[in-house]
Amino acid sequence: MAKTSGRGPKIPDDVYEAELFRLQTELVKVQQWTRETGARIAVVFEGRDAAGKGGTIKRVTEYLSPRVARIAALPAPTERERGQWYYQRYVAHLPSPGEIVLFDRSWYNRAGVEKVMGFCTPAEHARFLRQTPQFEQMLIDDGILLRKYWFSVSDREQLRRFRSRLDDPVRQWKLSPMDLESINRWEDYSRAKDEMMVHTDVPASPWYVVESDIKKHARLNMMSHLLSTIPYTDVPTPRVELPERPPASRGYERPPRERSTYVPDHVAALRGDPERDL
């Protein structure tokens, strides 16, 4: 039987792959429209640790040009940045005309981890809740298309994902002391998120909640919704025709292979080819 969640049975993999590719094709059209019209799109991804934000961002950008769509994933602020206007370092990453920026966490760090872990003062937190709708209104008034997504994962599923990373050599780096502390502070994070929503889920800049206990569903739902909110149109592109290959030029001889340093044939070892020395 297919795995289920509160939102119904999990879709088959072939259906997922087909719909994912369809949505990614539409995202390429958004990219072309953005570049052609000079639009500026900023998408904020927030949510608990292991909620599936990173995987969704990867699928969104898989076929997009890094010259048009870029990811802003800022590290912890430096000493100098901590003395700046709070939003300053995020402003530097906002999209220019013809760009899409995906914020893998954003200025909302102050409403979450900074609040819960005591990295900001109560006064700084209160100021953030008061100023953020004003800050976002300025972005919108200037023409930026701002979208905010909150990935919601249950405590049981989050713990399962944390456990799956323990012995996974390519995902162990995703587990940090801050991630583990979030298990003990689940209710604190819940209260902080609820307070954040009260102040920043406003008509001009609403939060869109993505149910993410099933990652594949979350990706499709988020991507489909984003596409529905962008007023993009098809941009005509010139038809490209490959020219006929010109005849071989006379007098050119490729230099002997011995003059170049080639990468060792690692695949030969996988094939068990005894004739190739790695």
C-alpha atoms as a PDB file:
ATOM      1  CA  MET A   1       0.000   0.000   0.000  1.00  0.00           C
ATOM      2  CA  ALA A   2       1.234   3.526  -0.783  1.00  0.00           C
ATOM      3  CA  LYS A   3       2.537   5.591   2.081  1.00  0.00           C
ATOM      4  CA  THR A   4      -0.044   8.076   3.285  1.00  0.00           C
ATOM      5  CA  SER A   5      -0.140  11.391   5.105  1.00  0.00           C
ATOM      6  CA  GLY A   6      -2.897  13.632   6.369  1.00  0.00           C
ATOM      7  CA  ARG A   7      -3.216  14.945   2.821  1.00  0.00           C
ATOM      8  CA  GLY A   8      -3.910  11.616   1.124  1.00  0.00           C
ATOM      9  CA  PRO A   9      -1.861   8.813  -0.452  1.00  0.00           C
ATOM     10  CA  LYS A  10       1.560   9.439  -1.910  1.00  0.00           C
ATOM     11  CA  ILE A  11       1.506   9.806  -5.689  1.00  0.00           C
ATOM     12  CA  PRO A  12       3.381   7.251  -7.822  1.00  0.00           C
ATOM     13  CA  ASP A  13       6.947   8.141  -8.759  1.00  0.00           C
ATOM     14  CA  ASP A  14       6.219   8.237 -12.492  1.00  0.00           C
ATOM     15  CA  VAL A  15       3.392  10.720 -11.952  1.00  0.00           C
ATOM     16  CA  TYR A  16       5.652  12.810  -9.740  1.00  0.00           C
ATOM     17  CA  GLU A  17       8.484  12.859 -12.269  1.00  0.00           C
ATOM     18  CA  ALA A  18       6.173  13.807 -15.135  1.00  0.00           C
ATOM     19  CA  GLU A  19       4.515  16.646 -13.239  1.00  0.00           C
ATOM     20  CA  LEU A  20       7.841  17.858 -11.846  1.00  0.00           C
ATOM     21  CA  PHE A  21       9.252  18.145 -15.351  1.00  0.00           C
ATOM     22  CA  ARG A  22       6.134  19.961 -16.559  1.00  0.00           C
ATOM     23  CA  LEU A  23       6.433  22.497 -13.752  1.00  0.00           C
ATOM     24  CA  GLN A  24      10.157  22.914 -14.366  1.00  0.00           C
ATOM     25  CA  THR A  25       9.391  23.600 -18.019  1.00  0.00           C
ATOM     26  CA  GLU A  26       7.034  26.374 -16.927  1.00  0.00           C
ATOM     27  CA  LEU A  27       9.724  27.755 -14.626  1.00  0.00           C
ATOM     28  CA  VAL A  28      12.028  28.035 -17.633  1.00  0.00           C
ATOM     29  CA  LYS A  29       9.308  30.158 -19.257  1.00  0.00           C
ATOM     30  CA  VAL A  30       9.233  32.316 -16.108  1.00  0.00           C
ATOM     31  CA  GLN A  31      12.984  32.719 -16.423  1.00  0.00           C
ATOM     32  CA  GLN A  32      12.696  33.847 -20.040  1.00  0.00           C
ATOM     33  CA  TRP A  33       9.873  36.240 -19.158  1.00  0.00           C
ATOM     34  CA  THR A  34      11.859  37.644 -16.237  1.00  0.00           C
ATOM     35  CA  ARG A  35      14.902  38.259 -18.382  1.00  0.00           C
ATOM     36  CA  GLU A  36      12.857  39.769 -21.217  1.00  0.00           C
ATOM     37  CA  THR A  37      10.722  42.091 -19.080  1.00  0.00           C
ATOM     38  CA  GLY A  38      13.267  43.015 -16.405  1.00  0.00           C
ATOM     39  CA  ALA A  39      11.028  41.666 -13.662  1.00  0.00           C
ATOM     40  CA  ARG A  40      12.453  41.121 -10.186  1.00  0.00           C
ATOM     41  CA  ILE A  41      11.327  38.048  -8.261  1.00  0.00           C
ATOM     42  CA  ALA A  42      12.272  37.242  -4.657  1.00  0.00           C
ATOM     43  CA  VAL A  43      11.103  33.976  -3.099  1.00  0.00           C
ATOM     44  CA  VAL A  44      11.562  33.355   0.625  1.00  0.00           C
ATOM     45  CA  PHE A  45      11.831  29.754   1.868  1.00  0.00           C
ATOM     46  CA  GLU A  46      11.363  29.326   5.608  1.00  0.00           C
ATOM     47  CA  GLY A  47      10.381  26.527   7.944  1.00  0.00           C
ATOM     48  CA  ARG A  48      11.769  24.162  10.519  1.00  0.00           C
ATOM     49  CA  ASP A  49      15.033  22.311  10.040  1.00  0.00           C
ATOM     50  CA  ALA A  50      14.646  19.286   7.721  1.00  0.00           C
ATOM     51  CA  ALA A  51      11.323  20.599   6.403  1.00  0.00           C
ATOM     52  CA  GLY A  52      12.370  20.132   2.771  1.00  0.00           C
ATOM     53  CA  LYS A  53      13.282  23.670   1.764  1.00  0.00           C
ATOM     54  CA  GLY A  54      16.649  22.785   0.231  1.00  0.00           C
ATOM     55  CA  GLY A  55      15.323  19.937  -1.884  1.00  0.00           C
ATOM     56  CA  THR A  56      12.555  22.138  -3.249  1.00  0.00           C
ATOM     57  CA  ILE A  57      14.992  24.906  -4.118  1.00  0.00           C
ATOM     58  CA  LYS A  58      17.137  22.403  -6.026  1.00  0.00           C
ATOM     59  CA  ARG A  59      14.165  21.301  -8.114  1.00  0.00           C
ATOM     60  CA  VAL A  60      13.115  24.878  -8.790  1.00  0.00           C
ATOM     61  CA  THR A  61      16.559  25.851 -10.084  1.00  0.00           C
ATOM     62  CA  GLU A  62      17.514  22.555 -11.781  1.00  0.00           C
ATOM     63  CA  TYR A  63      17.043  23.815 -15.350  1.00  0.00           C
ATOM     64  CA  LEU A  64      17.422  27.552 -14.737  1.00  0.00           C
ATOM     65  CA  SER A  65      20.438  29.654 -15.613  1.00  0.00           C
ATOM     66  CA  PRO A  66      22.529  30.700 -12.594  1.00  0.00           C
ATOM     67  CA  ARG A  67      22.879  34.055 -14.346  1.00  0.00           C
ATOM     68  CA  VAL A  68      19.143  34.624 -13.912  1.00  0.00           C
ATOM     69  CA  ALA A  69      18.123  32.509 -10.907  1.00  0.00           C
ATOM     70  CA  ARG A  70      20.431  32.482  -7.910  1.00  0.00           C
ATOM     71  CA  ILE A  71      20.221  31.180  -4.366  1.00  0.00           C
ATOM     72  CA  ALA A  72      20.914  33.411  -1.376  1.00  0.00           C
ATOM     73  CA  ALA A  73      21.894  31.264   1.607  1.00  0.00           C
ATOM     74  CA  LEU A  74      23.660  33.588   3.992  1.00  0.00           C
ATOM     75  CA  PRO A  75      25.968  32.323   6.760  1.00  0.00           C
ATOM     76  CA  ALA A  76      25.887  33.634  10.317  1.00  0.00           C
ATOM     77  CA  PRO A  77      26.482  37.386  10.401  1.00  0.00           C
ATOM     78  CA  THR A  78      29.983  38.689  10.952  1.00  0.00           C
ATOM     79  CA  GLU A  79      30.841  41.062  13.775  1.00  0.00           C
ATOM     80  CA  ARG A  80      30.618  43.960  11.331  1.00  0.00           C
ATOM     81  CA  GLU A  81      27.242  42.816  10.012  1.00  0.00           C
ATOM     82  CA  ARG A  82      25.852  42.482  13.526  1.00  0.00           C
ATOM     83  CA  GLY A  83      26.359  46.232  13.930  1.00  0.00           C
ATOM     84  CA  GLN A  84      24.541  47.104  10.714  1.00  0.00           C
ATOM     85  CA  TRP A  85      20.879  47.822  10.101  1.00  0.00           C
ATOM     86  CA  TYR A  86      19.414  44.345  10.442  1.00  0.00           C
ATOM     87  CA  TYR A  87      18.076  44.073   6.870  1.00  0.00           C
ATOM     88  CA  GLN A  88      21.215  45.505   5.279  1.00  0.00           C
ATOM     89  CA  ARG A  89      22.997  42.298   4.355  1.00  0.00           C
ATOM     90  CA  TYR A  90      19.802  40.858   2.862  1.00  0.00           C
ATOM     91  CA  VAL A  91      19.177  43.952   0.765  1.00  0.00           C
ATOM     92  CA  ALA A  92      22.500  43.329  -0.985  1.00  0.00           C
ATOM     93  CA  HIS A  93      21.099  40.031  -2.312  1.00  0.00           C
ATOM     94  CA  LEU A  94      17.762  41.318  -3.611  1.00  0.00           C
ATOM     95  CA  PRO A  95      17.139  40.766  -7.337  1.00  0.00           C
ATOM     96  CA  SER A  96      18.185  43.256  -9.971  1.00  0.00           C
ATOM     97  CA  PRO A  97      16.067  43.628 -13.127  1.00  0.00           C
ATOM     98  CA  GLY A  98      15.831  40.293 -14.930  1.00  0.00           C
ATOM     99  CA  GLU A  99      16.748  38.226 -11.865  1.00  0.00           C
ATOM    100  CA  ILE A 100      15.111  35.631  -9.615  1.00  0.00           C
ATOM    101  CA  VAL A 101      16.509  35.207  -6.105  1.00  0.00           C
ATOM    102  CA  LEU A 102      15.563  32.282  -3.869  1.00  0.00           C
ATOM    103  CA  PHE A 103      16.283  32.978  -0.198  1.00  0.00           C
ATOM    104  CA  ASP A 104      17.198  29.746   1.579  1.00  0.00           C
ATOM    105  CA  ARG A 105      16.259  31.304   4.900  1.00  0.00           C
ATOM    106  CA  SER A 106      16.079  35.053   5.061  1.00  0.00           C
ATOM    107  CA  TRP A 107      15.597  38.033   7.330  1.00  0.00           C
ATOM    108  CA  TYR A 108      13.103  35.822   9.171  1.00  0.00           C
ATOM    109  CA  ASN A 109      16.019  34.268  11.052  1.00  0.00           C
ATOM    110  CA  ARG A 110      15.333  36.945  13.647  1.00  0.00           C
ATOM    111  CA  ALA A 111      11.804  35.638  14.175  1.00  0.00           C
ATOM    112  CA  GLY A 112      12.967  32.036  14.531  1.00  0.00           C
ATOM    113  CA  VAL A 113      16.400  30.873  15.595  1.00  0.00           C
ATOM    114  CA  GLU A 114      17.539  34.262  16.908  1.00  0.00           C
ATOM    115  CA  LYS A 115      14.424  34.617  19.036  1.00  0.00           C
ATOM    116  CA  VAL A 116      14.453  31.043  20.361  1.00  0.00           C
ATOM    117  CA  MET A 117      18.199  30.769  20.956  1.00  0.00           C
ATOM    118  CA  GLY A 118      18.566  34.220  22.476  1.00  0.00           C
ATOM    119  CA  PHE A 119      20.756  35.613  19.666  1.00  0.00           C
ATOM    120  CA  CYS A 120      18.766  38.856  19.676  1.00  0.00           C
ATOM    121  CA  THR A 121      17.315  40.956  22.456  1.00  0.00           C
ATOM    122  CA  PRO A 122      13.564  41.176  23.129  1.00  0.00           C
ATOM    123  CA  ALA A 123      13.681  44.767  21.911  1.00  0.00           C
ATOM    124  CA  GLU A 124      15.364  43.730  18.630  1.00  0.00           C
ATOM    125  CA  HIS A 125      12.783  40.998  18.130  1.00  0.00           C
ATOM    126  CA  ALA A 126       9.889  43.373  18.785  1.00  0.00           C
ATOM    127  CA  ARG A 127      11.382  45.901  16.384  1.00  0.00           C
ATOM    128  CA  PHE A 128      11.694  43.197  13.731  1.00  0.00           C
ATOM    129  CA  LEU A 129       8.032  42.227  14.018  1.00  0.00           C
ATOM    130  CA  ARG A 130       7.030  45.864  13.731  1.00  0.00           C
ATOM    131  CA  GLN A 131       9.347  46.827  10.877  1.00  0.00           C
ATOM    132  CA  THR A 132       9.208  43.743   8.635  1.00  0.00           C
ATOM    133  CA  PRO A 133       5.788  44.455   7.082  1.00  0.00           C
ATOM    134  CA  GLN A 134       7.020  47.982   6.364  1.00  0.00           C
ATOM    135  CA  PHE A 135      10.279  46.679   4.902  1.00  0.00           C
ATOM    136  CA  GLU A 136       8.463  44.216   2.658  1.00  0.00           C
ATOM    137  CA  GLN A 137       5.963  46.858   1.606  1.00  0.00           C
ATOM    138  CA  MET A 138       8.884  48.978   0.381  1.00  0.00           C
ATOM    139  CA  LEU A 139      10.132  46.060  -1.729  1.00  0.00           C
ATOM    140  CA  ILE A 140       6.668  45.517  -3.189  1.00  0.00           C
ATOM    141  CA  ASP A 141       6.152  49.233  -3.847  1.00  0.00           C
ATOM    142  CA  ASP A 142       9.423  49.256  -5.767  1.00  0.00           C
ATOM    143  CA  GLY A 143       8.139  46.510  -8.053  1.00  0.00           C
ATOM    144  CA  ILE A 144       9.712  43.372  -6.571  1.00  0.00           C
ATOM    145  CA  LEU A 145       7.478  40.300  -6.774  1.00  0.00           C
ATOM    146  CA  LEU A 146       7.866  38.896  -3.247  1.00  0.00           C
ATOM    147  CA  ARG A 147       6.620  35.429  -2.337  1.00  0.00           C
ATOM    148  CA  LYS A 148       6.980  33.805   1.094  1.00  0.00           C
ATOM    149  CA  TYR A 149       6.661  30.053   1.743  1.00  0.00           C
ATOM    150  CA  TRP A 150       6.634  28.347   5.130  1.00  0.00           C
ATOM    151  CA  PHE A 151       7.396  24.607   4.980  1.00  0.00           C
ATOM    152  CA  SER A 152       5.470  22.855   7.734  1.00  0.00           C
ATOM    153  CA  VAL A 153       6.719  19.469   8.958  1.00  0.00           C
ATOM    154  CA  SER A 154       5.435  17.422  11.877  1.00  0.00           C
ATOM    155  CA  ASP A 155       7.662  16.707  14.863  1.00  0.00           C
ATOM    156  CA  ARG A 156       7.579  12.966  14.134  1.00  0.00           C
ATOM    157  CA  GLU A 157       8.644  13.405  10.500  1.00  0.00           C
ATOM    158  CA  GLN A 158      11.340  15.917  11.397  1.00  0.00           C
ATOM    159  CA  LEU A 159      12.833  13.465  13.904  1.00  0.00           C
ATOM    160  CA  ARG A 160      12.717  10.673  11.328  1.00  0.00           C
ATOM    161  CA  ARG A 161      14.626  12.829   8.858  1.00  0.00           C
ATOM    162  CA  PHE A 162      17.212  13.763  11.473  1.00  0.00           C
ATOM    163  CA  ARG A 163      17.764  10.085  12.282  1.00  0.00           C
ATOM    164  CA  SER A 164      18.141   9.208   8.602  1.00  0.00           C
ATOM    165  CA  ARG A 165      21.032  11.669   8.364  1.00  0.00           C
ATOM    166  CA  LEU A 166      23.022  10.177  11.232  1.00  0.00           C
ATOM    167  CA  ASP A 167      24.622   7.414   9.156  1.00  0.00           C
ATOM    168  CA  ASP A 168      24.337   9.029   5.739  1.00  0.00           C
ATOM    169  CA  PRO A 169      27.846  10.148   4.650  1.00  0.00           C
ATOM    170  CA  VAL A 170      26.524  12.702   2.147  1.00  0.00           C
ATOM    171  CA  ARG A 171      23.964  14.264   4.484  1.00  0.00           C
ATOM    172  CA  GLN A 172      25.659  14.177   7.889  1.00  0.00           C
ATOM    173  CA  TRP A 173      26.824  17.734   7.335  1.00  0.00           C
ATOM    174  CA  LYS A 174      23.180  18.811   7.485  1.00  0.00           C
ATOM    175  CA  LEU A 175      23.053  17.914  11.178  1.00  0.00           C
ATOM    176  CA  SER A 176      24.340  20.708  13.404  1.00  0.00           C
ATOM    177  CA  PRO A 177      24.102  21.325  17.135  1.00  0.00           C
ATOM    178  CA  MET A 178      21.479  23.964  16.287  1.00  0.00           C
ATOM    179  CA  ASP A 179      19.401  21.346  14.462  1.00  0.00           C
ATOM    180  CA  LEU A 180      19.533  18.970  17.394  1.00  0.00           C
ATOM    181  CA  GLU A 181      18.632  21.737  19.817  1.00  0.00           C
ATOM    182  CA  SER A 182      15.523  22.415  17.754  1.00  0.00           C
ATOM    183  CA  ILE A 183      14.204  18.999  18.848  1.00  0.00           C
ATOM    184  CA  ASN A 184      14.267  20.051  22.494  1.00  0.00           C
ATOM    185  CA  ARG A 185      12.791  23.456  21.663  1.00  0.00           C
ATOM    186  CA  TRP A 186       9.954  22.347  19.393  1.00  0.00           C
ATOM    187  CA  GLU A 187       7.307  24.233  21.354  1.00  0.00           C
ATOM    188  CA  ASP A 188       9.493  27.342  21.615  1.00  0.00           C
ATOM    189  CA  TYR A 189       9.872  27.376  17.845  1.00  0.00           C
ATOM    190  CA  SER A 190       6.122  26.841  17.467  1.00  0.00           C
ATOM    191  CA  ARG A 191       5.351  29.848  19.647  1.00  0.00           C
ATOM    192  CA  ALA A 192       7.908  31.975  17.795  1.00  0.00           C
ATOM    193  CA  LYS A 193       6.440  30.950  14.434  1.00  0.00           C
ATOM    194  CA  ASP A 194       2.892  31.713  15.593  1.00  0.00           C
ATOM    195  CA  GLU A 195       3.928  35.161  16.810  1.00  0.00           C
ATOM    196  CA  MET A 196       5.767  35.824  13.547  1.00  0.00           C
ATOM    197  CA  MET A 197       2.689  34.908  11.534  1.00  0.00           C
ATOM    198  CA  VAL A 198       0.462  37.241  13.538  1.00  0.00           C
ATOM    199  CA  HIS A 199       2.650  40.216  12.647  1.00  0.00           C
ATOM    200  CA  THR A 200       3.950  39.388   9.157  1.00  0.00           C
ATOM    201  CA  ASP A 201       1.181  37.399   7.453  1.00  0.00           C
ATOM    202  CA  VAL A 202      -0.426  40.500   5.958  1.00  0.00           C
ATOM    203  CA  PRO A 203      -2.515  40.962   2.796  1.00  0.00           C
ATOM    204  CA  ALA A 204       0.233  42.773   0.912  1.00  0.00           C
ATOM    205  CA  SER A 205       2.812  40.086   1.737  1.00  0.00           C
ATOM    206  CA  PRO A 206       1.097  36.874   2.865  1.00  0.00           C
ATOM    207  CA  TRP A 207       2.677  33.645   4.014  1.00  0.00           C
ATOM    208  CA  TYR A 208       1.871  30.509   2.038  1.00  0.00           C
ATOM    209  CA  VAL A 209       2.132  27.346   4.143  1.00  0.00           C
ATOM    210  CA  VAL A 210       3.405  24.209   2.415  1.00  0.00           C
ATOM    211  CA  GLU A 211       2.556  20.858   4.007  1.00  0.00           C
ATOM    212  CA  SER A 212       5.873  19.017   3.751  1.00  0.00           C
ATOM    213  CA  ASP A 213       5.599  15.664   5.508  1.00  0.00           C
ATOM    214  CA  ILE A 214       5.758  14.173   1.997  1.00  0.00           C
ATOM    215  CA  LYS A 215       8.599  15.969   0.259  1.00  0.00           C
ATOM    216  CA  LYS A 216       7.528  15.219  -3.294  1.00  0.00           C
ATOM    217  CA  HIS A 217       4.053  16.585  -2.668  1.00  0.00           C
ATOM    218  CA  ALA A 218       5.539  19.702  -1.067  1.00  0.00           C
ATOM    219  CA  ARG A 219       7.736  20.369  -4.096  1.00  0.00           C
ATOM    220  CA  LEU A 220       4.906  20.053  -6.593  1.00  0.00           C
ATOM    221  CA  ASN A 221       2.501  22.088  -4.487  1.00  0.00           C
ATOM    222  CA  MET A 222       4.958  24.906  -3.912  1.00  0.00           C
ATOM    223  CA  MET A 223       6.129  25.105  -7.518  1.00  0.00           C
ATOM    224  CA  SER A 224       2.599  24.994  -8.880  1.00  0.00           C
ATOM    225  CA  HIS A 225       1.485  27.752  -6.534  1.00  0.00           C
ATOM    226  CA  LEU A 226       4.453  29.975  -7.343  1.00  0.00           C
ATOM    227  CA  LEU A 227       3.718  29.671 -11.042  1.00  0.00           C
ATOM    228  CA  SER A 228       0.085  30.611 -10.425  1.00  0.00           C
ATOM    229  CA  THR A 229       1.139  33.886  -8.774  1.00  0.00           C
ATOM    230  CA  ILE A 230       3.580  35.112 -11.443  1.00  0.00           C
ATOM    231  CA  PRO A 231       1.985  36.954 -14.400  1.00  0.00           C
ATOM    232  CA  TYR A 232       4.392  35.452 -16.913  1.00  0.00           C
ATOM    233  CA  THR A 233       3.720  34.895 -20.582  1.00  0.00           C
ATOM    234  CA  ASP A 234       5.489  32.922 -23.288  1.00  0.00           C
ATOM    235  CA  VAL A 235       8.415  34.838 -24.723  1.00  0.00           C
ATOM    236  CA  PRO A 236       9.029  34.123 -28.422  1.00  0.00           C
ATOM    237  CA  THR A 237      12.491  32.749 -29.000  1.00  0.00           C
ATOM    238  CA  PRO A 238      14.229  32.635 -32.365  1.00  0.00           C
ATOM    239  CA  ARG A 239      14.379  29.218 -33.948  1.00  0.00           C
ATOM    240  CA  VAL A 240      17.883  27.828 -33.763  1.00  0.00           C
ATOM    241  CA  GLU A 241      19.191  25.745 -36.631  1.00  0.00           C
ATOM    242  CA  LEU A 242      22.508  23.994 -36.486  1.00  0.00           C
ATOM    243  CA  PRO A 243      24.744  24.817 -39.441  1.00  0.00           C
ATOM    244  CA  GLU A 244      26.204  22.080 -41.573  1.00  0.00           C
ATOM    245  CA  ARG A 245      29.572  20.963 -40.314  1.00  0.00           C
ATOM    246  CA  PRO A 246      32.248  22.618 -42.488  1.00  0.00           C
ATOM    247  CA  PRO A 247      34.592  20.379 -44.423  1.00  0.00           C
ATOM    248  CA  ALA A 248      37.753  19.382 -42.650  1.00  0.00           C
ATOM    249  CA  SER A 249      40.380  22.081 -42.942  1.00  0.00           C
ATOM    250  CA  ARG A 250      43.558  21.230 -44.765  1.00  0.00           C
ATOM    251  CA  GLY A 251      46.885  21.124 -43.089  1.00  0.00           C
ATOM    252  CA  TYR A 252      45.715  20.734 -39.470  1.00  0.00           C
ATOM    253  CA  GLU A 253      46.977  17.815 -37.435  1.00  0.00           C
ATOM    254  CA  ARG A 254      45.987  17.226 -33.863  1.00  0.00           C
ATOM    255  CA  PRO A 255      48.998  17.195 -31.486  1.00  0.00           C
ATOM    256  CA  PRO A 256      50.004  13.764 -30.159  1.00  0.00           C
ATOM    257  CA  ARG A 257      48.041  12.708 -27.071  1.00  0.00           C
ATOM    258  CA  GLU A 258      51.298  12.303 -25.167  1.00  0.00           C
ATOM    259  CA  ARG A 259      51.672  16.092 -25.029  1.00  0.00           C
ATOM    260  CA  SER A 260      48.557  16.481 -22.873  1.00  0.00           C
ATOM    261  CA  THR A 261      47.820  15.365 -19.324  1.00  0.00           C
ATOM    262  CA  TYR A 262      44.572  13.421 -19.271  1.00  0.00           C
ATOM    263  CA  VAL A 263      42.358  12.607 -16.311  1.00  0.00           C
ATOM    264  CA  PRO A 264      42.911   8.964 -15.304  1.00  0.00           C
ATOM    265  CA  ASP A 265      40.244   6.575 -16.574  1.00  0.00           C
ATOM    266  CA  HIS A 266      38.480   5.835 -13.298  1.00  0.00           C
ATOM    267  CA  VAL A 267      35.659   4.116 -15.181  1.00  0.00           C
ATOM    268  CA  ALA A 268      38.097   1.517 -16.472  1.00  0.00           C
ATOM    269  CA  ALA A 269      38.674   0.352 -12.919  1.00  0.00           C
ATOM    270  CA  LEU A 270      34.936   0.089 -12.358  1.00  0.00           C
ATOM    271  CA  ARG A 271      34.692  -2.063 -15.484  1.00  0.00           C
ATOM    272  CA  GLY A 272      37.522  -4.222 -14.234  1.00  0.00           C
ATOM    273  CA  ASP A 273      39.617  -3.406 -17.299  1.00  0.00           C
ATOM    274  CA  PRO A 274      43.139  -4.699 -16.518  1.00  0.00           C
ATOM    275  CA  GLU A 275      44.701  -2.939 -19.494  1.00  0.00           C
ATOM    276  CA  ARG A 276      44.188   0.591 -18.208  1.00  0.00           C
ATOM    277  CA  ASP A 277      46.553   1.730 -15.485  1.00  0.00           C
ATOM    278  CA  LEU A 278      45.023   4.349 -13.225  1.00  0.00           C
END
